[in-house]
Structures are given as structure tokens and as C-alpha cells.
């Protein structure tokens, strides 16, 4: 696999566990809390965290949903090929709830901006928090930050961060040069 490993399987596992435990500490009862994964890679991360919370705290879980942002993105009309939207599965209103948006990599903030716009179709949350496995601090286009972050990657220019999920929900995080960007 091309790219430099910046978080190996063991570190990856520990990071997921730490993020789940942070949520349990902050929201002991998860009353009025919902966790919403941003399609597609944020959903997989959110499911991993939800399952860890369920093991540690089975009597109190957040509501869980999946959010597609395809047509809320500011660049969706610029695509050269037809867009494939994913399914949004939110069976509850977010009115007066704390929403934890989950995505694998926070970079420019455009994905989160689109997610917040899409989220408004489901009500007015009391608060929106962001959880990201990787926080790429540089090159933000919007004043958006991660309330919960697994690791911080400070890279500029021609680099790309890839979360590589493997069998048995294990994974690693890779740093690629732009010319080797994975699809």
C-alpha cells in the first residue's frame, strides 16, 4: 500500500476506544443526545463508536442516525460524473437535542458545513458537536473545529489522509502525496 502509516492498527484501536470513552464520560446518560454519521465513511466510524458505547454502557445509548449530504455540498453541481447519493436514516427529530456529527477526516470544513445544513431538515438542535477520527488543522475554509478528535495531522500542500478500514473493524491511517490519492 502506498503512503506512510501515521497510525497503526494498535494505535487505531486505542484511539477508537478513547473516543468512545470520552463520549461516555461527557454524556453519562445520553439523554437528549444523538450520534449522526456523515455518509459514507463517517457512518462506519459512528457505528464503531456506538458499538463500543453499547458494550461499556448498555443501559444508556444515544439515538443513532445516518446523514447523506450529497445535495447540500457547495460543489455538487461541479461534478464531472453523476453523483451517487447515499441513504439518510434519521427516524427522530433533533429539536432540542445535542447532536454529535461524526466523520472520519475533518479537513476544510465543507463536509461539516453541508451536514449542518442538511441536519436542519430534522429540526433545531440545542447544540451540535463534531467528532472526527483525524483532524487536519490546516486549510480550513470554514470556522469549524472538532470537539472530539482522534489524532491531529499537520500537513499542507499535496498530501491526503486516508482512513483504511480492515477486517474485524481494525484499521490504520495513511498519509499520501496528492498524486497517489486513493479513491
N, C-alpha and C. Protein backbone atom coordinates (compact mmCIF):
# COMPACT_ATOMS: atom_id res chain seq x y z
N UNK A 1 0.85 -1.18 0.00
CA UNK A 1 0.00 0.00 0.00
C UNK A 1 0.89 1.24 0.00
N UNK A 2 0.66 2.14 -0.94
CA UNK A 2 1.40 3.40 -0.96
C UNK A 2 1.01 4.25 0.23
N UNK A 3 1.91 5.10 0.62
CA UNK A 3 1.62 6.01 1.71
C UNK A 3 2.35 5.63 2.98
N UNK A 4 2.49 6.59 3.82
CA UNK A 4 3.17 6.40 5.09
C UNK A 4 2.12 6.19 6.18
N UNK A 5 2.28 5.14 6.98
CA UNK A 5 1.34 4.86 8.06
C UNK A 5 1.61 5.86 9.18
N UNK A 6 0.58 6.62 9.55
CA UNK A 6 0.73 7.58 10.65
C UNK A 6 0.00 7.12 11.91
N UNK A 7 -0.82 6.10 11.78
CA UNK A 7 -1.45 5.47 12.94
C UNK A 7 -1.67 4.00 12.60
N UNK A 8 -0.99 3.12 13.32
CA UNK A 8 -1.05 1.68 13.04
C UNK A 8 -2.30 1.08 13.68
N UNK A 9 -2.48 -0.23 13.47
CA UNK A 9 -3.67 -0.92 13.98
C UNK A 9 -3.85 -0.76 15.49
N UNK A 10 -2.77 -0.94 16.24
CA UNK A 10 -2.88 -0.84 17.70
C UNK A 10 -3.27 0.57 18.12
N UNK A 11 -2.63 1.58 17.55
CA UNK A 11 -2.98 2.96 17.86
C UNK A 11 -4.39 3.30 17.41
N UNK A 12 -4.79 2.74 16.28
CA UNK A 12 -6.13 2.94 15.73
C UNK A 12 -7.18 2.43 16.72
N UNK A 13 -6.96 1.21 17.21
CA UNK A 13 -7.87 0.58 18.17
C UNK A 13 -7.96 1.41 19.45
N UNK A 14 -6.82 1.83 19.96
CA UNK A 14 -6.79 2.64 21.18
C UNK A 14 -7.49 3.98 20.98
N UNK A 15 -7.33 4.56 19.81
CA UNK A 15 -7.97 5.85 19.52
C UNK A 15 -9.49 5.71 19.48
N UNK A 16 -10.00 4.65 18.85
CA UNK A 16 -11.45 4.42 18.83
C UNK A 16 -11.99 4.23 20.25
N UNK A 17 -11.27 3.45 21.04
CA UNK A 17 -11.70 3.20 22.42
C UNK A 17 -11.69 4.50 23.23
N UNK A 18 -10.66 5.31 23.05
CA UNK A 18 -10.57 6.58 23.78
C UNK A 18 -11.73 7.51 23.41
N UNK A 19 -12.05 7.59 22.12
CA UNK A 19 -13.16 8.45 21.68
C UNK A 19 -14.49 7.97 22.28
N UNK A 20 -14.72 6.67 22.28
CA UNK A 20 -15.95 6.12 22.85
C UNK A 20 -16.02 6.45 24.35
N UNK A 21 -14.91 6.28 25.05
CA UNK A 21 -14.89 6.56 26.49
C UNK A 21 -15.08 8.05 26.78
N UNK A 22 -14.56 8.92 25.92
CA UNK A 22 -14.78 10.36 26.10
C UNK A 22 -16.27 10.68 26.00
N UNK A 23 -16.96 10.07 25.06
CA UNK A 23 -18.39 10.31 24.91
C UNK A 23 -19.15 9.80 26.14
N UNK A 24 -18.77 8.64 26.64
CA UNK A 24 -19.43 8.10 27.84
C UNK A 24 -19.20 9.03 29.03
N UNK A 25 -18.01 9.55 29.18
CA UNK A 25 -17.71 10.47 30.28
C UNK A 25 -18.52 11.75 30.16
N UNK A 26 -18.63 12.29 28.95
CA UNK A 26 -19.32 13.56 28.76
C UNK A 26 -20.84 13.43 28.79
N UNK A 27 -21.37 12.29 28.38
CA UNK A 27 -22.81 12.09 28.28
C UNK A 27 -23.21 10.81 29.00
N UNK A 28 -23.03 10.79 30.27
CA UNK A 28 -23.26 9.59 31.07
C UNK A 28 -24.57 8.89 30.75
N UNK A 29 -25.66 9.63 30.64
CA UNK A 29 -26.95 9.01 30.38
C UNK A 29 -27.37 9.11 28.91
N UNK A 30 -26.70 9.89 28.14
CA UNK A 30 -27.03 10.13 26.73
C UNK A 30 -28.46 10.62 26.55
N UNK A 31 -29.01 11.24 27.59
CA UNK A 31 -30.35 11.81 27.50
C UNK A 31 -30.31 12.99 26.53
N UNK A 32 -31.21 12.98 25.56
CA UNK A 32 -31.28 14.02 24.53
C UNK A 32 -30.01 14.16 23.70
N UNK A 33 -29.31 13.05 23.50
CA UNK A 33 -28.10 13.05 22.68
C UNK A 33 -28.31 12.12 21.49
N UNK A 34 -27.90 12.57 20.33
CA UNK A 34 -27.94 11.69 19.17
C UNK A 34 -26.59 11.75 18.45
N UNK A 35 -26.21 10.61 17.92
CA UNK A 35 -24.97 10.47 17.17
C UNK A 35 -25.36 10.24 15.72
N UNK A 36 -24.84 11.10 14.84
CA UNK A 36 -25.20 11.02 13.43
C UNK A 36 -23.93 10.93 12.60
N UNK A 37 -23.78 9.82 11.88
CA UNK A 37 -22.64 9.62 11.00
C UNK A 37 -22.90 10.25 9.65
N UNK A 38 -21.90 10.94 9.13
CA UNK A 38 -22.00 11.55 7.81
C UNK A 38 -21.62 10.49 6.78
N UNK A 39 -22.54 10.23 5.84
CA UNK A 39 -22.31 9.21 4.81
C UNK A 39 -21.07 9.52 4.00
N UNK A 40 -20.25 8.63 3.63
CA UNK A 40 -20.33 7.22 3.95
C UNK A 40 -19.33 6.86 5.06
N UNK A 41 -18.16 7.38 5.00
CA UNK A 41 -17.12 6.95 5.95
C UNK A 41 -17.41 7.36 7.39
N UNK A 42 -18.11 8.45 7.59
CA UNK A 42 -18.47 8.85 8.95
C UNK A 42 -19.45 7.90 9.60
N UNK A 43 -20.28 7.26 8.78
CA UNK A 43 -21.25 6.29 9.31
C UNK A 43 -20.51 5.07 9.86
N UNK A 44 -19.51 4.60 9.15
CA UNK A 44 -18.78 3.44 9.63
C UNK A 44 -18.09 3.74 10.95
N UNK A 45 -17.48 4.91 11.05
CA UNK A 45 -16.85 5.32 12.30
C UNK A 45 -17.89 5.45 13.41
N UNK A 46 -19.02 6.07 13.13
CA UNK A 46 -20.08 6.23 14.14
C UNK A 46 -20.58 4.87 14.62
N UNK A 47 -20.73 3.92 13.71
CA UNK A 47 -21.16 2.57 14.11
C UNK A 47 -20.14 1.92 15.03
N UNK A 48 -18.86 2.09 14.74
CA UNK A 48 -17.82 1.52 15.59
C UNK A 48 -17.89 2.12 17.00
N UNK A 49 -18.06 3.43 17.07
CA UNK A 49 -18.14 4.09 18.38
C UNK A 49 -19.41 3.69 19.12
N UNK A 50 -20.53 3.64 18.40
CA UNK A 50 -21.81 3.26 19.01
C UNK A 50 -21.71 1.86 19.61
N UNK A 51 -21.11 0.92 18.87
CA UNK A 51 -20.97 -0.45 19.37
C UNK A 51 -20.08 -0.51 20.61
N UNK A 52 -19.05 0.31 20.66
CA UNK A 52 -18.19 0.35 21.85
C UNK A 52 -18.94 0.95 23.04
N UNK A 53 -19.73 1.95 22.79
CA UNK A 53 -20.54 2.55 23.86
C UNK A 53 -21.53 1.52 24.39
N UNK A 54 -22.13 0.76 23.47
CA UNK A 54 -23.11 -0.27 23.86
C UNK A 54 -22.49 -1.32 24.78
N UNK A 55 -21.25 -1.69 24.53
CA UNK A 55 -20.56 -2.68 25.37
C UNK A 55 -20.29 -2.11 26.76
N UNK A 56 -19.81 -0.87 26.80
CA UNK A 56 -19.43 -0.26 28.08
C UNK A 56 -20.61 0.31 28.86
N UNK A 57 -21.63 0.71 28.16
CA UNK A 57 -22.73 1.46 28.77
C UNK A 57 -24.07 1.00 28.18
N UNK A 58 -24.42 -0.28 28.31
CA UNK A 58 -25.56 -0.83 27.55
C UNK A 58 -26.93 -0.26 27.93
N UNK A 59 -27.05 0.33 29.08
CA UNK A 59 -28.35 0.84 29.52
C UNK A 59 -28.63 2.27 29.09
N UNK A 60 -27.65 2.92 28.50
CA UNK A 60 -27.84 4.30 28.08
C UNK A 60 -27.08 4.54 26.78
N UNK A 61 -27.84 4.71 25.71
CA UNK A 61 -27.25 4.89 24.40
C UNK A 61 -27.81 6.14 23.72
N UNK A 62 -27.00 6.78 22.88
CA UNK A 62 -27.55 7.90 22.12
C UNK A 62 -28.46 7.39 21.01
N UNK A 63 -29.34 8.25 20.52
CA UNK A 63 -30.06 7.93 19.29
C UNK A 63 -29.02 7.85 18.18
N UNK A 64 -29.31 7.10 17.14
CA UNK A 64 -28.31 6.90 16.09
C UNK A 64 -28.92 7.16 14.72
N UNK A 65 -28.18 7.87 13.87
CA UNK A 65 -28.66 8.15 12.53
C UNK A 65 -27.54 8.24 11.52
N UNK A 66 -27.95 8.24 10.25
CA UNK A 66 -27.02 8.35 9.11
C UNK A 66 -27.50 9.51 8.25
N UNK A 67 -26.57 10.37 7.86
CA UNK A 67 -26.93 11.58 7.12
C UNK A 67 -26.18 11.66 5.80
N UNK A 68 -26.92 11.77 4.71
CA UNK A 68 -26.31 11.99 3.40
C UNK A 68 -26.31 13.49 3.12
N UNK A 69 -25.19 14.00 2.64
CA UNK A 69 -25.05 15.44 2.40
C UNK A 69 -24.84 15.77 0.93
N UNK A 70 -24.99 14.80 0.05
CA UNK A 70 -24.64 14.96 -1.36
C UNK A 70 -25.16 16.26 -1.95
N UNK A 71 -26.42 16.54 -1.79
CA UNK A 71 -27.02 17.70 -2.45
C UNK A 71 -27.01 18.95 -1.58
N UNK A 72 -26.32 18.89 -0.46
CA UNK A 72 -26.11 20.06 0.38
C UNK A 72 -24.71 20.63 0.21
N UNK A 73 -23.86 19.89 -0.49
CA UNK A 73 -22.48 20.35 -0.71
C UNK A 73 -22.47 21.55 -1.66
N UNK A 74 -21.54 22.45 -1.44
CA UNK A 74 -21.47 23.63 -2.31
C UNK A 74 -20.83 23.32 -3.66
N UNK A 75 -20.31 22.12 -3.83
CA UNK A 75 -19.66 21.76 -5.09
C UNK A 75 -20.40 20.66 -5.86
N UNK A 76 -21.61 20.31 -5.46
CA UNK A 76 -22.26 19.16 -6.10
C UNK A 76 -22.60 19.40 -7.57
N UNK A 77 -22.76 20.63 -7.97
CA UNK A 77 -23.06 20.92 -9.37
C UNK A 77 -21.81 20.89 -10.24
N UNK A 78 -20.65 20.82 -9.62
CA UNK A 78 -19.39 20.87 -10.37
C UNK A 78 -18.84 19.49 -10.70
N UNK A 79 -19.53 18.45 -10.31
CA UNK A 79 -19.04 17.09 -10.54
C UNK A 79 -19.09 16.76 -12.03
N UNK A 80 -18.03 16.09 -12.49
CA UNK A 80 -17.97 15.70 -13.89
C UNK A 80 -18.78 14.45 -14.19
N UNK A 81 -19.07 13.67 -13.17
CA UNK A 81 -19.85 12.45 -13.36
C UNK A 81 -21.08 12.50 -12.46
N UNK A 82 -22.09 11.69 -12.77
CA UNK A 82 -23.31 11.70 -11.95
C UNK A 82 -22.99 11.35 -10.49
N UNK A 83 -23.63 12.06 -9.58
CA UNK A 83 -23.43 11.82 -8.16
C UNK A 83 -24.27 10.65 -7.70
N UNK A 84 -23.75 9.90 -6.76
CA UNK A 84 -24.48 8.80 -6.17
C UNK A 84 -24.76 9.16 -4.71
N UNK A 85 -26.00 9.43 -4.44
CA UNK A 85 -26.38 9.77 -3.07
C UNK A 85 -26.52 8.51 -2.23
N UNK A 86 -26.21 8.63 -0.96
CA UNK A 86 -26.40 7.54 -0.01
C UNK A 86 -27.72 7.77 0.73
N UNK A 87 -28.08 6.84 1.57
CA UNK A 87 -29.34 6.90 2.28
C UNK A 87 -29.19 7.74 3.55
N UNK A 88 -30.18 8.57 3.81
CA UNK A 88 -30.27 9.24 5.11
C UNK A 88 -31.24 8.43 5.95
N UNK A 89 -30.81 8.04 7.13
CA UNK A 89 -31.66 7.28 8.05
C UNK A 89 -31.67 7.99 9.40
N UNK A 90 -32.59 8.92 9.54
CA UNK A 90 -32.79 9.61 10.81
C UNK A 90 -34.27 9.51 11.12
N UNK A 91 -34.61 8.73 12.11
CA UNK A 91 -36.02 8.44 12.42
C UNK A 91 -36.52 9.25 13.61
N UNK A 92 -35.85 10.36 13.90
CA UNK A 92 -36.20 11.19 15.04
C UNK A 92 -35.94 12.64 14.68
N UNK A 93 -36.55 13.54 15.43
CA UNK A 93 -36.24 14.96 15.26
C UNK A 93 -35.07 15.31 16.15
N UNK A 94 -34.29 16.27 15.72
CA UNK A 94 -33.13 16.69 16.51
C UNK A 94 -33.44 17.92 17.37
N UNK A 95 -34.69 18.35 17.35
CA UNK A 95 -35.10 19.51 18.16
C UNK A 95 -34.65 19.36 19.61
N UNK A 96 -33.95 20.38 20.09
CA UNK A 96 -33.53 20.47 21.49
C UNK A 96 -32.64 19.32 21.94
N UNK A 97 -32.00 18.65 20.98
CA UNK A 97 -31.08 17.56 21.32
C UNK A 97 -29.64 18.01 21.05
N UNK A 98 -28.73 17.34 21.71
CA UNK A 98 -27.31 17.53 21.41
C UNK A 98 -26.98 16.54 20.30
N UNK A 99 -26.49 17.05 19.19
CA UNK A 99 -26.15 16.23 18.05
C UNK A 99 -24.63 16.10 17.98
N UNK A 100 -24.16 14.88 17.90
CA UNK A 100 -22.74 14.62 17.68
C UNK A 100 -22.60 14.17 16.24
N UNK A 101 -22.07 15.05 15.38
CA UNK A 101 -21.80 14.69 13.99
C UNK A 101 -20.48 13.94 13.95
N UNK A 102 -20.44 12.87 13.17
CA UNK A 102 -19.25 12.02 13.13
C UNK A 102 -18.77 11.89 11.68
N UNK A 103 -17.47 12.16 11.47
CA UNK A 103 -16.85 11.92 10.18
C UNK A 103 -15.42 11.47 10.40
N UNK A 104 -14.86 10.79 9.41
CA UNK A 104 -13.52 10.23 9.60
C UNK A 104 -12.42 11.28 9.55
N UNK A 105 -12.49 12.22 8.60
CA UNK A 105 -11.44 13.23 8.47
C UNK A 105 -12.08 14.61 8.40
N UNK A 106 -11.61 15.53 9.23
CA UNK A 106 -12.02 16.93 9.17
C UNK A 106 -10.88 17.70 8.51
N UNK A 107 -11.17 18.30 7.37
CA UNK A 107 -10.12 19.00 6.63
C UNK A 107 -10.53 20.44 6.38
N UNK A 108 -11.27 20.72 5.32
CA UNK A 108 -11.63 22.11 5.00
C UNK A 108 -12.83 22.59 5.81
N UNK A 109 -13.64 21.66 6.28
CA UNK A 109 -14.86 22.02 6.99
C UNK A 109 -16.08 22.05 6.09
N UNK A 110 -15.89 21.87 4.80
CA UNK A 110 -17.02 21.94 3.86
C UNK A 110 -18.01 20.80 4.07
N UNK A 111 -17.53 19.62 4.37
CA UNK A 111 -18.42 18.48 4.62
C UNK A 111 -19.28 18.76 5.86
N UNK A 112 -18.67 19.25 6.90
CA UNK A 112 -19.41 19.55 8.14
C UNK A 112 -20.40 20.67 7.90
N UNK A 113 -20.00 21.68 7.15
CA UNK A 113 -20.91 22.78 6.81
C UNK A 113 -22.15 22.25 6.09
N UNK A 114 -21.93 21.35 5.12
CA UNK A 114 -23.06 20.75 4.40
C UNK A 114 -23.91 19.90 5.33
N UNK A 115 -23.27 19.17 6.25
CA UNK A 115 -24.01 18.33 7.19
C UNK A 115 -24.89 19.17 8.11
N UNK A 116 -24.39 20.29 8.56
CA UNK A 116 -25.19 21.16 9.42
C UNK A 116 -26.39 21.69 8.64
N UNK A 117 -26.20 22.04 7.38
CA UNK A 117 -27.33 22.47 6.54
C UNK A 117 -28.36 21.36 6.39
N UNK A 118 -27.90 20.14 6.11
CA UNK A 118 -28.81 19.01 5.94
C UNK A 118 -29.52 18.68 7.25
N UNK A 119 -28.82 18.80 8.35
CA UNK A 119 -29.37 18.49 9.67
C UNK A 119 -30.58 19.36 10.00
N UNK A 120 -30.61 20.57 9.49
CA UNK A 120 -31.71 21.49 9.78
C UNK A 120 -33.04 20.99 9.26
N UNK A 121 -33.02 20.05 8.32
CA UNK A 121 -34.27 19.45 7.84
C UNK A 121 -34.93 18.58 8.92
N UNK A 122 -34.20 18.27 9.98
CA UNK A 122 -34.70 17.40 11.04
C UNK A 122 -34.93 18.14 12.35
N UNK A 123 -34.94 19.47 12.29
CA UNK A 123 -35.22 20.27 13.47
C UNK A 123 -34.06 21.16 13.85
N UNK A 124 -34.25 21.79 15.01
CA UNK A 124 -33.25 22.74 15.52
C UNK A 124 -32.58 22.15 16.75
N UNK A 125 -31.34 21.68 16.59
CA UNK A 125 -30.65 21.08 17.74
C UNK A 125 -30.33 22.11 18.82
N UNK A 126 -30.22 21.64 20.04
CA UNK A 126 -29.78 22.51 21.13
C UNK A 126 -28.31 22.85 20.93
N UNK A 127 -27.55 21.87 20.43
CA UNK A 127 -26.11 22.04 20.24
C UNK A 127 -25.64 21.01 19.23
N UNK A 128 -24.64 21.37 18.45
CA UNK A 128 -24.01 20.44 17.51
C UNK A 128 -22.54 20.33 17.88
N UNK A 129 -22.08 19.11 18.07
CA UNK A 129 -20.68 18.85 18.35
C UNK A 129 -20.12 18.01 17.22
N UNK A 130 -18.82 18.13 17.00
CA UNK A 130 -18.16 17.41 15.91
C UNK A 130 -17.17 16.41 16.46
N UNK A 131 -17.23 15.17 15.96
CA UNK A 131 -16.26 14.14 16.30
C UNK A 131 -15.59 13.71 15.01
N UNK A 132 -14.27 13.72 15.02
CA UNK A 132 -13.50 13.33 13.84
C UNK A 132 -12.35 12.44 14.26
N UNK A 133 -12.15 11.37 13.52
CA UNK A 133 -11.03 10.48 13.80
C UNK A 133 -9.71 11.19 13.51
N UNK A 134 -9.67 11.96 12.42
CA UNK A 134 -8.47 12.71 12.04
C UNK A 134 -8.84 14.17 11.87
N UNK A 135 -8.12 15.04 12.54
CA UNK A 135 -8.31 16.48 12.40
C UNK A 135 -7.10 17.04 11.64
N UNK A 136 -7.34 17.43 10.40
CA UNK A 136 -6.29 18.09 9.62
C UNK A 136 -6.47 19.58 9.83
N UNK A 137 -5.68 20.14 10.72
CA UNK A 137 -5.91 21.51 11.18
C UNK A 137 -5.71 22.58 10.13
N UNK A 138 -4.86 22.36 9.18
CA UNK A 138 -4.57 23.41 8.21
C UNK A 138 -5.56 23.38 7.06
N UNK A 139 -5.70 24.52 6.40
CA UNK A 139 -6.55 24.67 5.21
C UNK A 139 -8.04 24.65 5.48
N UNK A 140 -8.49 25.08 6.66
CA UNK A 140 -9.93 25.20 6.91
C UNK A 140 -10.49 26.32 6.04
N UNK A 141 -11.64 26.06 5.45
CA UNK A 141 -12.35 27.07 4.68
C UNK A 141 -13.49 27.68 5.50
N UNK A 142 -13.88 27.00 6.56
CA UNK A 142 -14.94 27.47 7.45
C UNK A 142 -14.43 27.42 8.88
N UNK A 143 -14.97 28.24 9.76
CA UNK A 143 -14.53 28.22 11.16
C UNK A 143 -15.17 27.06 11.92
N UNK A 144 -14.76 25.86 11.56
CA UNK A 144 -15.31 24.63 12.13
C UNK A 144 -14.18 23.89 12.81
N UNK A 145 -14.47 23.30 13.96
CA UNK A 145 -13.44 22.55 14.69
C UNK A 145 -14.05 21.27 15.23
N UNK A 146 -13.18 20.34 15.60
CA UNK A 146 -13.63 19.07 16.18
C UNK A 146 -13.64 19.18 17.69
N UNK A 147 -14.79 18.88 18.30
CA UNK A 147 -14.90 18.82 19.75
C UNK A 147 -14.22 17.57 20.27
N UNK A 148 -14.28 16.51 19.49
CA UNK A 148 -13.64 15.24 19.82
C UNK A 148 -12.81 14.85 18.62
N UNK A 149 -11.53 14.56 18.86
CA UNK A 149 -10.66 14.19 17.75
C UNK A 149 -9.75 13.06 18.16
N UNK A 150 -9.56 12.14 17.23
CA UNK A 150 -8.68 11.02 17.48
C UNK A 150 -7.23 11.43 17.42
N UNK A 151 -6.80 11.90 16.26
CA UNK A 151 -5.44 12.39 16.10
C UNK A 151 -5.47 13.69 15.30
N UNK A 152 -4.41 14.46 15.45
CA UNK A 152 -4.25 15.70 14.68
C UNK A 152 -3.11 15.49 13.70
N UNK A 153 -3.35 15.83 12.45
CA UNK A 153 -2.34 15.71 11.40
C UNK A 153 -2.09 17.11 10.85
N UNK A 154 -0.87 17.56 11.01
CA UNK A 154 -0.48 18.87 10.47
C UNK A 154 0.28 18.65 9.18
N UNK A 155 -0.42 18.78 8.07
CA UNK A 155 0.23 18.65 6.77
C UNK A 155 -0.39 19.66 5.83
N UNK A 156 0.40 20.11 4.93
CA UNK A 156 -0.05 21.09 3.95
C UNK A 156 0.20 20.58 2.54
N UNK A 157 -0.34 21.31 1.62
CA UNK A 157 0.00 21.07 0.23
C UNK A 157 -0.53 19.78 -0.35
N UNK A 158 0.35 19.04 -0.96
CA UNK A 158 -0.01 17.89 -1.77
C UNK A 158 -0.14 16.59 -0.98
N UNK A 159 -0.82 16.62 0.15
CA UNK A 159 -0.99 15.40 0.94
C UNK A 159 -2.46 15.05 1.09
N UNK A 160 -2.71 13.79 1.36
CA UNK A 160 -4.05 13.26 1.50
C UNK A 160 -4.04 12.25 2.65
N UNK A 161 -5.02 12.35 3.54
CA UNK A 161 -5.14 11.41 4.65
C UNK A 161 -6.20 10.38 4.29
N UNK A 162 -5.86 9.11 4.46
CA UNK A 162 -6.78 8.02 4.15
C UNK A 162 -6.96 7.14 5.37
N UNK A 163 -8.20 6.97 5.80
CA UNK A 163 -8.52 6.03 6.86
C UNK A 163 -8.78 4.70 6.17
N UNK A 164 -7.96 3.73 6.47
CA UNK A 164 -8.01 2.43 5.81
C UNK A 164 -8.62 1.41 6.78
N UNK A 165 -9.92 1.11 6.62
CA UNK A 165 -10.58 0.12 7.48
C UNK A 165 -10.23 -1.27 6.98
N UNK A 166 -9.95 -2.17 7.90
CA UNK A 166 -9.58 -3.53 7.56
C UNK A 166 -10.58 -4.51 8.14
N UNK A 167 -10.31 -5.80 7.96
CA UNK A 167 -11.18 -6.84 8.51
C UNK A 167 -11.28 -6.70 10.02
N UNK A 168 -12.38 -7.19 10.57
CA UNK A 168 -12.63 -7.18 12.02
C UNK A 168 -12.59 -5.78 12.62
N UNK A 169 -12.98 -4.79 11.83
CA UNK A 169 -13.09 -3.40 12.28
C UNK A 169 -11.76 -2.83 12.76
N UNK A 170 -10.68 -3.34 12.26
CA UNK A 170 -9.37 -2.78 12.57
C UNK A 170 -9.04 -1.80 11.45
N UNK A 171 -8.00 -1.04 11.66
CA UNK A 171 -7.65 -0.09 10.62
C UNK A 171 -6.33 0.58 10.87
N UNK A 172 -6.00 1.48 9.96
CA UNK A 172 -4.81 2.30 10.07
C UNK A 172 -5.09 3.60 9.33
N UNK A 173 -4.26 4.59 9.60
CA UNK A 173 -4.41 5.87 8.93
C UNK A 173 -3.12 6.12 8.15
N UNK A 174 -3.29 6.47 6.89
CA UNK A 174 -2.16 6.66 5.98
C UNK A 174 -2.09 8.10 5.51
N UNK A 175 -0.88 8.56 5.26
CA UNK A 175 -0.64 9.88 4.67
C UNK A 175 -0.07 9.65 3.28
N UNK A 176 -0.74 10.20 2.26
CA UNK A 176 -0.33 10.02 0.87
C UNK A 176 0.05 11.36 0.28
N UNK A 177 0.90 11.32 -0.74
CA UNK A 177 1.09 12.52 -1.53
C UNK A 177 -0.14 12.65 -2.43
N UNK A 178 -0.45 13.85 -2.88
CA UNK A 178 -1.65 14.09 -3.67
C UNK A 178 -1.67 13.26 -4.94
N UNK A 179 -0.53 13.06 -5.56
CA UNK A 179 -0.51 12.29 -6.81
C UNK A 179 -0.87 10.83 -6.59
N UNK A 180 -0.79 10.36 -5.35
CA UNK A 180 -1.16 8.96 -5.03
C UNK A 180 -2.50 8.88 -4.32
N UNK A 181 -3.31 9.89 -4.46
CA UNK A 181 -4.60 9.94 -3.75
C UNK A 181 -5.44 8.71 -4.08
N UNK A 182 -5.96 8.08 -3.03
CA UNK A 182 -6.80 6.90 -3.22
C UNK A 182 -8.24 7.31 -3.42
N UNK A 183 -8.96 6.54 -4.17
CA UNK A 183 -10.39 6.79 -4.37
C UNK A 183 -11.18 5.95 -3.43
